[in-house]
C-alpha atoms as a PDB file:
ATOM      1  CA  MET A   1     -97.540  -8.600  70.419  1.00  0.00           C
ATOM      2  CA  ASN A   2     -96.985 -12.259  69.705  1.00  0.00           C
ATOM      3  CA  ALA A   3     -95.052 -14.133  72.394  1.00  0.00           C
ATOM      4  CA  PHE A   4     -92.554 -15.428  69.738  1.00  0.00           C
ATOM      5  CA  MET A   5     -91.698 -11.848  68.645  1.00  0.00           C
ATOM      6  CA  LEU A   6     -91.349 -10.495  72.145  1.00  0.00           C
ATOM      7  CA  PRO A   7     -87.625 -11.485  72.593  1.00  0.00           C
ATOM      8  CA  LEU A   8     -86.870  -9.924  69.138  1.00  0.00           C
ATOM      9  CA  ALA A   9     -88.093  -6.478  70.216  1.00  0.00           C
ATOM     10  CA  ILE A  10     -84.988  -4.347  70.583  1.00  0.00           C
ATOM     11  CA  GLY A  11     -85.322  -0.958  72.200  1.00  0.00           C
ATOM     12  CA  ALA A  12     -82.947   1.816  73.314  1.00  0.00           C
ATOM     13  CA  PRO A  13     -81.816   0.045  76.555  1.00  0.00           C
ATOM     14  CA  GLN A  14     -80.901  -3.148  74.589  1.00  0.00           C
ATOM     15  CA  ILE A  15     -78.898  -1.101  72.008  1.00  0.00           C
ATOM     16  CA  VAL A  16     -77.035   0.777  74.795  1.00  0.00           C
ATOM     17  CA  LEU A  17     -76.280  -2.600  76.525  1.00  0.00           C
ATOM     18  CA  ILE A  18     -74.955  -4.056  73.263  1.00  0.00           C
ATOM     19  CA  VAL A  19     -72.698  -1.029  72.662  1.00  0.00           C
ATOM     20  CA  ILE A  20     -71.301  -1.184  76.113  1.00  0.00           C
ATOM     21  CA  VAL A  21     -70.516  -4.916  75.777  1.00  0.00           C
ATOM     22  CA  VAL A  22     -68.892  -4.389  72.408  1.00  0.00           C
ATOM     23  CA  LEU A  23     -66.713  -1.588  73.854  1.00  0.00           C
ATOM     24  CA  LEU A  24     -65.711  -3.806  76.796  1.00  0.00           C
ATOM     25  CA  ILE A  25     -64.766  -6.723  74.532  1.00  0.00           C
ATOM     26  CA  PHE A  26     -63.016  -4.933  71.680  1.00  0.00           C
ATOM     27  CA  GLY A  27     -61.945  -1.656  73.242  1.00  0.00           C
ATOM     28  CA  GLY A  28     -62.220   1.849  71.713  1.00  0.00           C
ATOM     29  CA  ARG A  29     -59.218   1.498  69.427  1.00  0.00           C
ATOM     30  CA  LYS A  30     -60.170  -1.678  67.739  1.00  0.00           C
ATOM     31  CA  ILE A  31     -63.791  -0.702  66.735  1.00  0.00           C
ATOM     32  CA  PRO A  32     -62.945   1.681  63.885  1.00  0.00           C
ATOM     33  CA  GLU A  33     -60.731  -1.109  62.367  1.00  0.00           C
ATOM     34  CA  LEU A  34     -63.600  -3.593  62.692  1.00  0.00           C
ATOM     35  CA  MET A  35     -66.071  -1.158  61.061  1.00  0.00           C
ATOM     36  CA  ARG A  36     -63.652  -0.421  58.278  1.00  0.00           C
ATOM     37  CA  GLY A  37     -63.355  -4.142  57.589  1.00  0.00           C
ATOM     38  CA  LEU A  38     -67.076  -4.677  57.807  1.00  0.00           C
ATOM     39  CA  GLY A  39     -67.543  -1.754  55.244  1.00  0.00           C
ATOM     40  CA  SER A  40     -65.086  -3.120  52.798  1.00  0.00           C
ATOM     41  CA  GLY A  41     -66.646  -6.596  53.121  1.00  0.00           C
ATOM     42  CA  ILE A  42     -70.037  -5.179  52.331  1.00  0.00           C
ATOM     43  CA  LYS A  43     -68.718  -3.178  49.389  1.00  0.00           C
ATOM     44  CA  GLU A  44     -66.965  -6.308  47.942  1.00  0.00           C
ATOM     45  CA  PHE A  45     -70.245  -8.320  48.343  1.00  0.00           C
ATOM     46  CA  LYS A  46     -72.215  -5.597  46.468  1.00  0.00           C
ATOM     47  CA  ASP A  47     -69.664  -5.426  43.747  1.00  0.00           C
ATOM     48  CA  ALA A  48     -69.625  -9.249  43.360  1.00  0.00           C
ATOM     49  CA  SER A  49     -73.451  -9.396  43.246  1.00  0.00           C
ATOM     50  CA  LYS A  50     -73.509  -6.522  40.693  1.00  0.00           C
ATOM     51  CA  ASP A  51     -70.926  -8.377  38.525  1.00  0.00           C
ATOM     52  CA  ASP A  52     -72.951 -11.615  38.831  1.00  0.00           C
ATOM     53  CA  ASP A  53     -76.035  -9.669  37.591  1.00  0.00           C
ATOM     54  CA  ASP A  54     -74.159  -8.276  34.648  1.00  0.00           C
ATOM     55  CA  THR A  55     -72.860 -11.724  33.722  1.00  0.00           C
ATOM     56  CA  THR A  56     -76.334 -13.245  34.031  1.00  0.00           C
ATOM     57  CA  THR A  57     -77.723 -10.463  31.890  1.00  0.00           C
ATOM     58  CA  SER A  58     -75.103 -10.673  29.168  1.00  0.00           C
ATOM     59  CA  SER A  59     -75.214 -14.475  29.066  1.00  0.00           C
ATOM     60  CA  THR A  60     -78.993 -14.344  28.685  1.00  0.00           C
ATOM     61  CA  SER A  61     -78.807 -11.910  25.785  1.00  0.00           C
ATOM     62  CA  ASP A  62     -76.051 -14.066  24.153  1.00  0.00           C
ATOM     63  CA  ALA A  63     -78.337 -17.048  24.428  1.00  0.00           C
ATOM     64  CA  LYS A  64     -81.126 -15.112  22.802  1.00  0.00           C
ATOM     65  CA  LYS A  65     -78.703 -14.112  19.895  1.00  0.00           C
ATOM     66  CA  VAL A  66     -77.756 -17.798  19.434  1.00  0.00           C
ATOM     67  CA  GLU A  67     -81.347 -19.035  19.430  1.00  0.00           C
ATOM     68  CA  ASP A  68     -82.540 -16.521  16.891  1.00  0.00           C
ATOM     69  CA  PRO A  69     -82.055 -18.199  13.403  1.00  0.00           C
ATOM     70  CA  LYS A  70     -82.305 -14.787  11.482  1.00  0.00           C
END
């Protein structure tokens, strides 16, 4: 394995350590609220990117209609 990639290798012991640290910092009651907020943020991001794709597609098809002199 490359020496640069070695610190990025995350295994089971590192994941357990991260979970323990998160539990100690936030506590058991706060984590579901944080995950709920993270999930809603991801959902809003996906919806916004989907709307942006729809807008781009419709504006591109509108531009084609304007350029077509038929």
